All heavy atoms as atom14 arrays in JSON, in Angstrom:
{
  "sequence": "MKKIRTKRLDDGSRVHSFRSLLGHLGSIVRATCHCSGEKDTSNT",
  "atom14_mask": [
    [1, 1, 1, 1, 1, 1, 1, 1, 0, 0, 0, 0, 0, 0],
    [1, 1, 1, 1, 1, 1, 1, 1, 1, 0, 0, 0, 0, 0],
    [1, 1, 1, 1, 1, 1, 1, 1, 1, 0, 0, 0, 0, 0],
    [1, 1, 1, 1, 1, 1, 1, 1, 0, 0, 0, 0, 0, 0],
    [1, 1, 1, 1, 1, 1, 1, 1, 1, 1, 1, 0, 0, 0],
    [1, 1, 1, 1, 1, 1, 1, 0, 0, 0, 0, 0, 0, 0],
    [1, 1, 1, 1, 1, 1, 1, 1, 1, 0, 0, 0, 0, 0],
    [1, 1, 1, 1, 1, 1, 1, 1, 1, 1, 1, 0, 0, 0],
    [1, 1, 1, 1, 1, 1, 1, 1, 0, 0, 0, 0, 0, 0],
    [1, 1, 1, 1, 1, 1, 1, 1, 0, 0, 0, 0, 0, 0],
    [1, 1, 1, 1, 1, 1, 1, 1, 0, 0, 0, 0, 0, 0],
    [1, 1, 1, 1, 0, 0, 0, 0, 0, 0, 0, 0, 0, 0],
    [1, 1, 1, 1, 1, 1, 0, 0, 0, 0, 0, 0, 0, 0],
    [1, 1, 1, 1, 1, 1, 1, 1, 1, 1, 1, 0, 0, 0],
    [1, 1, 1, 1, 1, 1, 1, 0, 0, 0, 0, 0, 0, 0],
    [1, 1, 1, 1, 1, 1, 1, 1, 1, 1, 0, 0, 0, 0],
    [1, 1, 1, 1, 1, 1, 0, 0, 0, 0, 0, 0, 0, 0],
    [1, 1, 1, 1, 1, 1, 1, 1, 1, 1, 1, 0, 0, 0],
    [1, 1, 1, 1, 1, 1, 1, 1, 1, 1, 1, 0, 0, 0],
    [1, 1, 1, 1, 1, 1, 0, 0, 0, 0, 0, 0, 0, 0],
    [1, 1, 1, 1, 1, 1, 1, 1, 0, 0, 0, 0, 0, 0],
    [1, 1, 1, 1, 1, 1, 1, 1, 0, 0, 0, 0, 0, 0],
    [1, 1, 1, 1, 0, 0, 0, 0, 0, 0, 0, 0, 0, 0],
    [1, 1, 1, 1, 1, 1, 1, 1, 1, 1, 0, 0, 0, 0],
    [1, 1, 1, 1, 1, 1, 1, 1, 0, 0, 0, 0, 0, 0],
    [1, 1, 1, 1, 0, 0, 0, 0, 0, 0, 0, 0, 0, 0],
    [1, 1, 1, 1, 1, 1, 0, 0, 0, 0, 0, 0, 0, 0],
    [1, 1, 1, 1, 1, 1, 1, 1, 0, 0, 0, 0, 0, 0],
    [1, 1, 1, 1, 1, 1, 1, 0, 0, 0, 0, 0, 0, 0],
    [1, 1, 1, 1, 1, 1, 1, 1, 1, 1, 1, 0, 0, 0],
    [1, 1, 1, 1, 1, 0, 0, 0, 0, 0, 0, 0, 0, 0],
    [1, 1, 1, 1, 1, 1, 1, 0, 0, 0, 0, 0, 0, 0],
    [1, 1, 1, 1, 1, 1, 0, 0, 0, 0, 0, 0, 0, 0],
    [1, 1, 1, 1, 1, 1, 1, 1, 1, 1, 0, 0, 0, 0],
    [1, 1, 1, 1, 1, 1, 0, 0, 0, 0, 0, 0, 0, 0],
    [1, 1, 1, 1, 1, 1, 0, 0, 0, 0, 0, 0, 0, 0],
    [1, 1, 1, 1, 0, 0, 0, 0, 0, 0, 0, 0, 0, 0],
    [1, 1, 1, 1, 1, 1, 1, 1, 1, 0, 0, 0, 0, 0],
    [1, 1, 1, 1, 1, 1, 1, 1, 1, 0, 0, 0, 0, 0],
    [1, 1, 1, 1, 1, 1, 1, 1, 0, 0, 0, 0, 0, 0],
    [1, 1, 1, 1, 1, 1, 1, 0, 0, 0, 0, 0, 0, 0],
    [1, 1, 1, 1, 1, 1, 0, 0, 0, 0, 0, 0, 0, 0],
    [1, 1, 1, 1, 1, 1, 1, 1, 0, 0, 0, 0, 0, 0],
    [1, 1, 1, 1, 1, 1, 1, 0, 0, 0, 0, 0, 0, 0]
  ],
  "atom14_positions": [
    [[-0.22, -10.36, -7.36], [-0.23, -9.42, -8.47], [-1.27, -8.32, -8.25], [-1.07, -7.17, -8.65], [-0.54, -10.16, -9.78], [0.58, -11.1, -10.22], [2.18, -10.25, -10.41], [1.79, -9.08, -11.71], [0.0, 0.0, 0.0], [0.0, 0.0, 0.0], [0.0, 0.0, 0.0], [0.0, 0.0, 0.0], [0.0, 0.0, 0.0], [0.0, 0.0, 0.0]],
    [[-2.35, -8.67, -7.6], [-3.38, -7.66, -7.29], [-2.81, -6.61, -6.33], [-3.08, -5.4, -6.47], [-4.61, -8.34, -6.68], [-5.74, -7.38, -6.38], [-6.93, -8.09, -5.75], [-8.05, -7.12, -5.4], [-9.19, -7.81, -4.75], [0.0, 0.0, 0.0], [0.0, 0.0, 0.0], [0.0, 0.0, 0.0], [0.0, 0.0, 0.0], [0.0, 0.0, 0.0]],
    [[-2.03, -7.06, -5.35], [-1.38, -6.11, -4.43], [-0.49, -5.13, -5.2], [-0.52, -3.92, -4.96], [-0.51, -6.86, -3.42], [-1.24, -7.59, -2.32], [-0.19, -8.18, -1.38], [-0.78, -9.05, -0.31], [0.26, -9.62, 0.58], [0.0, 0.0, 0.0], [0.0, 0.0, 0.0], [0.0, 0.0, 0.0], [0.0, 0.0, 0.0], [0.0, 0.0, 0.0]],
    [[0.29, -5.68, -6.12], [1.23, -4.84, -6.87], [0.48, -3.87, -7.78], [0.85, -2.7, -7.9], [2.17, -5.74, -7.71], [3.03, -6.59, -6.77], [3.04, -4.9, -8.63], [3.84, -7.65, -7.48], [0.0, 0.0, 0.0], [0.0, 0.0, 0.0], [0.0, 0.0, 0.0], [0.0, 0.0, 0.0], [0.0, 0.0, 0.0], [0.0, 0.0, 0.0]],
    [[-0.59, -4.37, -8.39], [-1.33, -3.55, -9.35], [-2.1, -2.43, -8.67], [-2.09, -1.28, -9.11], [-2.27, -4.44, -10.16], [-3.0, -3.71, -11.28], [-3.85, -4.67, -12.1], [-4.92, -5.28, -11.33], [-4.9, -6.53, -10.87], [-3.85, -7.31, -11.12], [-5.9, -7.02, -10.17], [0.0, 0.0, 0.0], [0.0, 0.0, 0.0], [0.0, 0.0, 0.0]],
    [[-2.78, -2.77, -7.57], [-3.66, -1.78, -6.92], [-2.97, -1.03, -5.79], [-3.43, 0.03, -5.38], [-4.9, -2.48, -6.36], [-4.5, -3.4, -5.32], [-5.63, -3.25, -7.46], [0.0, 0.0, 0.0], [0.0, 0.0, 0.0], [0.0, 0.0, 0.0], [0.0, 0.0, 0.0], [0.0, 0.0, 0.0], [0.0, 0.0, 0.0], [0.0, 0.0, 0.0]],
    [[-1.87, -1.64, -5.26], [-1.17, -1.07, -4.11], [-2.1, -0.98, -2.89], [-1.89, -0.15, -2.0], [-0.58, 0.31, -4.43], [0.47, 0.27, -5.52], [1.01, 1.66, -5.8], [2.16, 1.61, -6.81], [1.8, 0.98, -8.08], [0.0, 0.0, 0.0], [0.0, 0.0, 0.0], [0.0, 0.0, 0.0], [0.0, 0.0, 0.0], [0.0, 0.0, 0.0]],
    [[-3.11, -1.85, -2.89], [-4.09, -1.87, -1.79], [-4.32, -3.3, -1.32], [-4.26, -4.25, -2.1], [-5.42, -1.27, -2.24], [-5.34, 0.19, -2.68], [-5.26, 1.11, -1.49], [-5.0, 2.49, -1.9], [-4.89, 3.5, -1.04], [-5.02, 3.28, 0.25], [-4.63, 4.72, -1.48], [0.0, 0.0, 0.0], [0.0, 0.0, 0.0], [0.0, 0.0, 0.0]],
    [[-4.64, -3.43, -0.03], [-5.07, -4.71, 0.52], [-6.57, -4.85, 0.35], [-7.26, -3.92, -0.1], [-4.69, -4.8, 2.0], [-3.19, -4.72, 2.33], [-2.98, -4.69, 3.83], [-2.44, -5.88, 1.7], [0.0, 0.0, 0.0], [0.0, 0.0, 0.0], [0.0, 0.0, 0.0], [0.0, 0.0, 0.0], [0.0, 0.0, 0.0], [0.0, 0.0, 0.0]],
    [[-7.08, -6.01, 0.7], [-8.52, -6.25, 0.53], [-9.36, -5.28, 1.35], [-10.5, -4.98, 0.99], [-8.86, -7.7, 0.92], [-8.29, -8.7, -0.08], [-8.02, -8.29, -1.23], [-8.12, -9.88, 0.28], [0.0, 0.0, 0.0], [0.0, 0.0, 0.0], [0.0, 0.0, 0.0], [0.0, 0.0, 0.0], [0.0, 0.0, 0.0], [0.0, 0.0, 0.0]],
    [[-8.82, -4.79, 2.48], [-9.57, -3.85, 3.31], [-9.45, -2.41, 2.82], [-9.97, -1.48, 3.45], [-9.13, -3.95, 4.77], [-7.66, -3.59, 4.97], [-7.01, -3.22, 3.97], [-7.17, -3.69, 6.11], [0.0, 0.0, 0.0], [0.0, 0.0, 0.0], [0.0, 0.0, 0.0], [0.0, 0.0, 0.0], [0.0, 0.0, 0.0], [0.0, 0.0, 0.0]],
    [[-8.75, -2.21, 1.69], [-8.62, -0.88, 1.12], [-7.41, -0.1, 1.61], [-7.13, 0.99, 1.09], [0.0, 0.0, 0.0], [0.0, 0.0, 0.0], [0.0, 0.0, 0.0], [0.0, 0.0, 0.0], [0.0, 0.0, 0.0], [0.0, 0.0, 0.0], [0.0, 0.0, 0.0], [0.0, 0.0, 0.0], [0.0, 0.0, 0.0], [0.0, 0.0, 0.0]],
    [[-6.69, -0.63, 2.59], [-5.52, 0.09, 3.12], [-4.31, -0.13, 2.22], [-4.29, -1.03, 1.39], [-5.22, -0.39, 4.55], [-4.89, -1.77, 4.54], [0.0, 0.0, 0.0], [0.0, 0.0, 0.0], [0.0, 0.0, 0.0], [0.0, 0.0, 0.0], [0.0, 0.0, 0.0], [0.0, 0.0, 0.0], [0.0, 0.0, 0.0], [0.0, 0.0, 0.0]],
    [[-3.28, 0.69, 2.42], [-2.09, 0.64, 1.58], [-1.27, -0.62, 1.84], [-1.19, -1.09, 2.97], [-1.21, 1.86, 1.85], [-1.78, 3.17, 1.39], [-1.5, 3.44, -0.05], [-0.08, 3.43, -0.38], [0.39, 3.71, -1.59], [-0.45, 4.01, -2.57], [1.68, 3.69, -1.83], [0.0, 0.0, 0.0], [0.0, 0.0, 0.0], [0.0, 0.0, 0.0]],
    [[-0.65, -1.12, 0.77], [0.33, -2.19, 0.92], [1.67, -1.53, 1.25], [1.98, -0.44, 0.76], [0.46, -3.02, -0.37], [1.39, -4.2, -0.16], [-0.9, -3.5, -0.83], [0.0, 0.0, 0.0], [0.0, 0.0, 0.0], [0.0, 0.0, 0.0], [0.0, 0.0, 0.0], [0.0, 0.0, 0.0], [0.0, 0.0, 0.0], [0.0, 0.0, 0.0]],
    [[2.47, -2.19, 2.07], [3.75, -1.63, 2.49], [4.91, -2.5, 2.05], [4.76, -3.71, 1.82], [3.8, -1.52, 4.02], [3.1, -0.32, 4.57], [3.67, 0.94, 4.59], [1.87, -0.18, 5.12], [2.82, 1.8, 5.13], [1.72, 1.15, 5.47], [0.0, 0.0, 0.0], [0.0, 0.0, 0.0], [0.0, 0.0, 0.0], [0.0, 0.0, 0.0]],
    [[6.09, -1.89, 1.96], [7.34, -2.64, 1.95], [7.75, -2.82, 3.4], [7.19, -2.2, 4.31], [8.42, -1.87, 1.19], [8.76, -0.67, 1.88], [0.0, 0.0, 0.0], [0.0, 0.0, 0.0], [0.0, 0.0, 0.0], [0.0, 0.0, 0.0], [0.0, 0.0, 0.0], [0.0, 0.0, 0.0], [0.0, 0.0, 0.0], [0.0, 0.0, 0.0]],
    [[8.75, -3.66, 3.63], [9.21, -3.87, 5.0], [9.66, -2.56, 5.62], [9.31, -2.23, 6.74], [10.35, -4.9, 5.01], [10.97, -5.1, 6.37], [10.3, -5.83, 7.33], [12.21, -4.55, 6.67], [10.87, -6.01, 8.6], [12.78, -4.74, 7.92], [12.11, -5.47, 8.89], [0.0, 0.0, 0.0], [0.0, 0.0, 0.0], [0.0, 0.0, 0.0]],
    [[10.45, -1.79, 4.85], [10.98, -0.54, 5.39], [9.89, 0.49, 5.63], [9.91, 1.2, 6.64], [12.04, 0.0, 4.4], [12.78, 1.23, 4.84], [13.5, 1.09, 6.14], [14.37, -0.06, 6.22], [14.99, -0.44, 7.32], [14.8, 0.23, 8.45], [15.77, -1.5, 7.33], [0.0, 0.0, 0.0], [0.0, 0.0, 0.0], [0.0, 0.0, 0.0]],
    [[8.91, 0.58, 4.73], [7.85, 1.58, 4.91], [6.93, 1.2, 6.07], [6.41, 2.08, 6.76], [7.04, 1.76, 3.63], [6.26, 0.61, 3.34], [0.0, 0.0, 0.0], [0.0, 0.0, 0.0], [0.0, 0.0, 0.0], [0.0, 0.0, 0.0], [0.0, 0.0, 0.0], [0.0, 0.0, 0.0], [0.0, 0.0, 0.0], [0.0, 0.0, 0.0]],
    [[6.75, -0.11, 6.3], [5.91, -0.52, 7.43], [6.6, -0.19, 8.75], [5.95, 0.26, 9.7], [5.61, -2.02, 7.35], [4.68, -2.57, 8.44], [3.36, -1.8, 8.49], [4.4, -4.07, 8.21], [0.0, 0.0, 0.0], [0.0, 0.0, 0.0], [0.0, 0.0, 0.0], [0.0, 0.0, 0.0], [0.0, 0.0, 0.0], [0.0, 0.0, 0.0]],
    [[7.91, -0.39, 8.81], [8.64, 0.03, 10.01], [8.5, 1.54, 10.22], [8.34, 2.01, 11.35], [10.12, -0.33, 9.89], [10.56, -1.74, 10.29], [12.06, -1.87, 10.15], [10.13, -2.07, 11.71], [0.0, 0.0, 0.0], [0.0, 0.0, 0.0], [0.0, 0.0, 0.0], [0.0, 0.0, 0.0], [0.0, 0.0, 0.0], [0.0, 0.0, 0.0]],
    [[8.58, 2.29, 9.13], [8.42, 3.73, 9.24], [7.02, 4.1, 9.74], [6.86, 5.04, 10.53], [0.0, 0.0, 0.0], [0.0, 0.0, 0.0], [0.0, 0.0, 0.0], [0.0, 0.0, 0.0], [0.0, 0.0, 0.0], [0.0, 0.0, 0.0], [0.0, 0.0, 0.0], [0.0, 0.0, 0.0], [0.0, 0.0, 0.0], [0.0, 0.0, 0.0]],
    [[6.01, 3.36, 9.27], [4.64, 3.62, 9.72], [4.51, 3.33, 11.22], [3.86, 4.08, 11.95], [3.68, 2.74, 8.93], [2.24, 2.95, 9.26], [1.61, 4.18, 9.18], [1.28, 2.08, 9.7], [0.35, 4.07, 9.55], [0.12, 2.81, 9.87], [0.0, 0.0, 0.0], [0.0, 0.0, 0.0], [0.0, 0.0, 0.0], [0.0, 0.0, 0.0]],
    [[5.15, 2.26, 11.67], [5.1, 1.95, 13.1], [5.89, 2.98, 13.9], [5.59, 3.23, 15.07], [5.67, 0.55, 13.35], [4.86, -0.61, 12.77], [5.59, -1.92, 12.98], [3.47, -0.68, 13.4], [0.0, 0.0, 0.0], [0.0, 0.0, 0.0], [0.0, 0.0, 0.0], [0.0, 0.0, 0.0], [0.0, 0.0, 0.0], [0.0, 0.0, 0.0]],
    [[6.9, 3.59, 13.26], [7.69, 4.6, 13.95], [6.91, 5.86, 14.27], [7.35, 6.68, 15.07], [0.0, 0.0, 0.0], [0.0, 0.0, 0.0], [0.0, 0.0, 0.0], [0.0, 0.0, 0.0], [0.0, 0.0, 0.0], [0.0, 0.0, 0.0], [0.0, 0.0, 0.0], [0.0, 0.0, 0.0], [0.0, 0.0, 0.0], [0.0, 0.0, 0.0]],
    [[5.73, 6.01, 13.65], [4.9, 7.18, 13.98], [4.26, 7.05, 15.36], [3.71, 8.01, 15.89], [3.82, 7.38, 12.92], [2.91, 6.28, 12.91], [0.0, 0.0, 0.0], [0.0, 0.0, 0.0], [0.0, 0.0, 0.0], [0.0, 0.0, 0.0], [0.0, 0.0, 0.0], [0.0, 0.0, 0.0], [0.0, 0.0, 0.0], [0.0, 0.0, 0.0]],
    [[4.3, 5.85, 15.93], [3.84, 5.66, 17.32], [4.93, 6.22, 18.23], [6.08, 5.81, 18.16], [3.61, 4.18, 17.63], [2.53, 3.59, 16.72], [3.24, 3.98, 19.09], [2.35, 2.09, 16.87], [0.0, 0.0, 0.0], [0.0, 0.0, 0.0], [0.0, 0.0, 0.0], [0.0, 0.0, 0.0], [0.0, 0.0, 0.0], [0.0, 0.0, 0.0]],
    [[4.57, 7.16, 19.08], [5.55, 7.76, 19.98], [5.13, 7.52, 21.42], [3.95, 7.27, 21.72], [5.71, 9.27, 19.73], [6.16, 9.54, 18.3], [4.42, 10.02, 20.03], [0.0, 0.0, 0.0], [0.0, 0.0, 0.0], [0.0, 0.0, 0.0], [0.0, 0.0, 0.0], [0.0, 0.0, 0.0], [0.0, 0.0, 0.0], [0.0, 0.0, 0.0]],
    [[6.1, 7.58, 22.3], [5.83, 7.5, 23.73], [6.14, 8.86, 24.33], [7.31, 9.24, 24.47], [6.69, 6.42, 24.38], [6.28, 6.13, 25.83], [7.15, 5.06, 26.44], [8.53, 5.51, 26.59], [9.51, 4.73, 27.03], [9.27, 3.46, 27.29], [10.74, 5.21, 27.17], [0.0, 0.0, 0.0], [0.0, 0.0, 0.0], [0.0, 0.0, 0.0]],
    [[5.11, 9.61, 24.63], [5.27, 10.98, 25.1], [5.37, 11.02, 26.62], [4.57, 10.38, 27.33], [4.1, 11.84, 24.63], [0.0, 0.0, 0.0], [0.0, 0.0, 0.0], [0.0, 0.0, 0.0], [0.0, 0.0, 0.0], [0.0, 0.0, 0.0], [0.0, 0.0, 0.0], [0.0, 0.0, 0.0], [0.0, 0.0, 0.0], [0.0, 0.0, 0.0]],
    [[6.34, 11.77, 27.14], [6.49, 11.98, 28.58], [5.92, 13.36, 28.91], [6.37, 14.37, 28.37], [7.97, 11.89, 28.99], [8.48, 10.61, 28.6], [8.11, 12.05, 30.49], [0.0, 0.0, 0.0], [0.0, 0.0, 0.0], [0.0, 0.0, 0.0], [0.0, 0.0, 0.0], [0.0, 0.0, 0.0], [0.0, 0.0, 0.0], [0.0, 0.0, 0.0]],
    [[4.93, 13.42, 29.8], [4.19, 14.66, 30.07], [4.31, 15.04, 31.54], [4.61, 14.22, 32.41], [2.71, 14.49, 29.71], [2.42, 13.78, 28.08], [0.0, 0.0, 0.0], [0.0, 0.0, 0.0], [0.0, 0.0, 0.0], [0.0, 0.0, 0.0], [0.0, 0.0, 0.0], [0.0, 0.0, 0.0], [0.0, 0.0, 0.0], [0.0, 0.0, 0.0]],
    [[4.07, 16.32, 31.81], [3.94, 16.8, 33.19], [2.98, 17.97, 33.2], [2.63, 18.53, 32.15], [5.3, 17.19, 33.76], [5.84, 18.47, 33.2], [6.34, 19.48, 33.97], [5.93, 18.92, 31.91], [6.74, 20.48, 33.2], [6.5, 20.16, 31.94], [0.0, 0.0, 0.0], [0.0, 0.0, 0.0], [0.0, 0.0, 0.0], [0.0, 0.0, 0.0]],
    [[2.49, 18.34, 34.36], [1.49, 19.39, 34.46], [2.08, 20.75, 34.09], [3.22, 21.06, 34.46], [0.94, 19.46, 35.89], [-0.02, 17.99, 36.33], [0.0, 0.0, 0.0], [0.0, 0.0, 0.0], [0.0, 0.0, 0.0], [0.0, 0.0, 0.0], [0.0, 0.0, 0.0], [0.0, 0.0, 0.0], [0.0, 0.0, 0.0], [0.0, 0.0, 0.0]],
    [[1.31, 21.52, 33.36], [1.77, 22.84, 32.91], [2.05, 23.73, 34.11], [1.28, 23.77, 35.07], [0.7, 23.49, 32.03], [0.47, 22.71, 30.89], [0.0, 0.0, 0.0], [0.0, 0.0, 0.0], [0.0, 0.0, 0.0], [0.0, 0.0, 0.0], [0.0, 0.0, 0.0], [0.0, 0.0, 0.0], [0.0, 0.0, 0.0], [0.0, 0.0, 0.0]],
    [[3.17, 24.46, 34.02], [3.5, 25.41, 35.07], [4.18, 24.78, 36.27], [4.64, 25.48, 37.17], [0.0, 0.0, 0.0], [0.0, 0.0, 0.0], [0.0, 0.0, 0.0], [0.0, 0.0, 0.0], [0.0, 0.0, 0.0], [0.0, 0.0, 0.0], [0.0, 0.0, 0.0], [0.0, 0.0, 0.0], [0.0, 0.0, 0.0], [0.0, 0.0, 0.0]],
    [[4.25, 23.46, 36.31], [4.87, 22.8, 37.47], [6.38, 22.82, 37.3], [6.92, 22.39, 36.29], [4.36, 21.36, 37.57], [4.82, 20.66, 38.85], [4.17, 19.29, 38.97], [2.96, 19.18, 38.71], [4.89, 18.33, 39.31], [0.0, 0.0, 0.0], [0.0, 0.0, 0.0], [0.0, 0.0, 0.0], [0.0, 0.0, 0.0], [0.0, 0.0, 0.0]],
    [[7.07, 23.34, 38.31], [8.52, 23.47, 38.21], [9.23, 22.13, 38.4], [10.29, 21.91, 37.84], [9.02, 24.48, 39.26], [8.52, 25.9, 39.01], [9.09, 26.86, 40.04], [8.59, 28.28, 39.77], [9.15, 29.24, 40.77], [0.0, 0.0, 0.0], [0.0, 0.0, 0.0], [0.0, 0.0, 0.0], [0.0, 0.0, 0.0], [0.0, 0.0, 0.0]],
    [[8.65, 21.25, 39.16], [9.25, 19.95, 39.39], [8.94, 19.03, 38.21], [7.83, 18.51, 38.09], [8.71, 19.34, 40.7], [9.39, 18.01, 41.01], [10.37, 17.67, 40.32], [8.93, 17.32, 41.94], [0.0, 0.0, 0.0], [0.0, 0.0, 0.0], [0.0, 0.0, 0.0], [0.0, 0.0, 0.0], [0.0, 0.0, 0.0], [0.0, 0.0, 0.0]],
    [[9.91, 18.84, 37.33], [9.69, 18.02, 36.13], [9.85, 16.53, 36.39], [9.68, 15.72, 35.49], [10.68, 18.44, 35.02], [12.02, 18.28, 35.5], [10.46, 19.88, 34.6], [0.0, 0.0, 0.0], [0.0, 0.0, 0.0], [0.0, 0.0, 0.0], [0.0, 0.0, 0.0], [0.0, 0.0, 0.0], [0.0, 0.0, 0.0], [0.0, 0.0, 0.0]],
    [[10.18, 16.15, 37.64], [10.32, 14.72, 37.93], [8.96, 14.03, 38.06], [8.87, 12.81, 37.95], [11.13, 14.52, 39.22], [10.44, 15.11, 40.33], [0.0, 0.0, 0.0], [0.0, 0.0, 0.0], [0.0, 0.0, 0.0], [0.0, 0.0, 0.0], [0.0, 0.0, 0.0], [0.0, 0.0, 0.0], [0.0, 0.0, 0.0], [0.0, 0.0, 0.0]],
    [[7.93, 14.81, 38.31], [6.58, 14.24, 38.45], [5.94, 14.16, 37.06], [5.23, 15.07, 36.63], [5.75, 15.12, 39.39], [4.4, 14.49, 39.69], [4.22, 13.28, 39.54], [3.45, 15.32, 40.11], [0.0, 0.0, 0.0], [0.0, 0.0, 0.0], [0.0, 0.0, 0.0], [0.0, 0.0, 0.0], [0.0, 0.0, 0.0], [0.0, 0.0, 0.0]],
    [[6.24, 13.1, 36.34], [5.79, 12.95, 34.96], [5.02, 11.65, 34.78], [5.03, 10.77, 35.64], [6.99, 12.94, 33.98], [7.83, 11.83, 34.29], [7.77, 14.24, 34.07], [0.0, 0.0, 0.0], [0.0, 0.0, 0.0], [0.0, 0.0, 0.0], [0.0, 0.0, 0.0], [0.0, 0.0, 0.0], [0.0, 0.0, 0.0], [0.0, 0.0, 0.0]]
  ]
}
């Protein structure tokens, strides 16, 4: 009931629903990079 009332965990962070927690994890991205100006994009 405390979670529902405050919408916070004991550490002060937000409580999530299953769907919102998946969305929060979806903010983690895997970026593929290469050196600027390099024409060969296979070297990433």
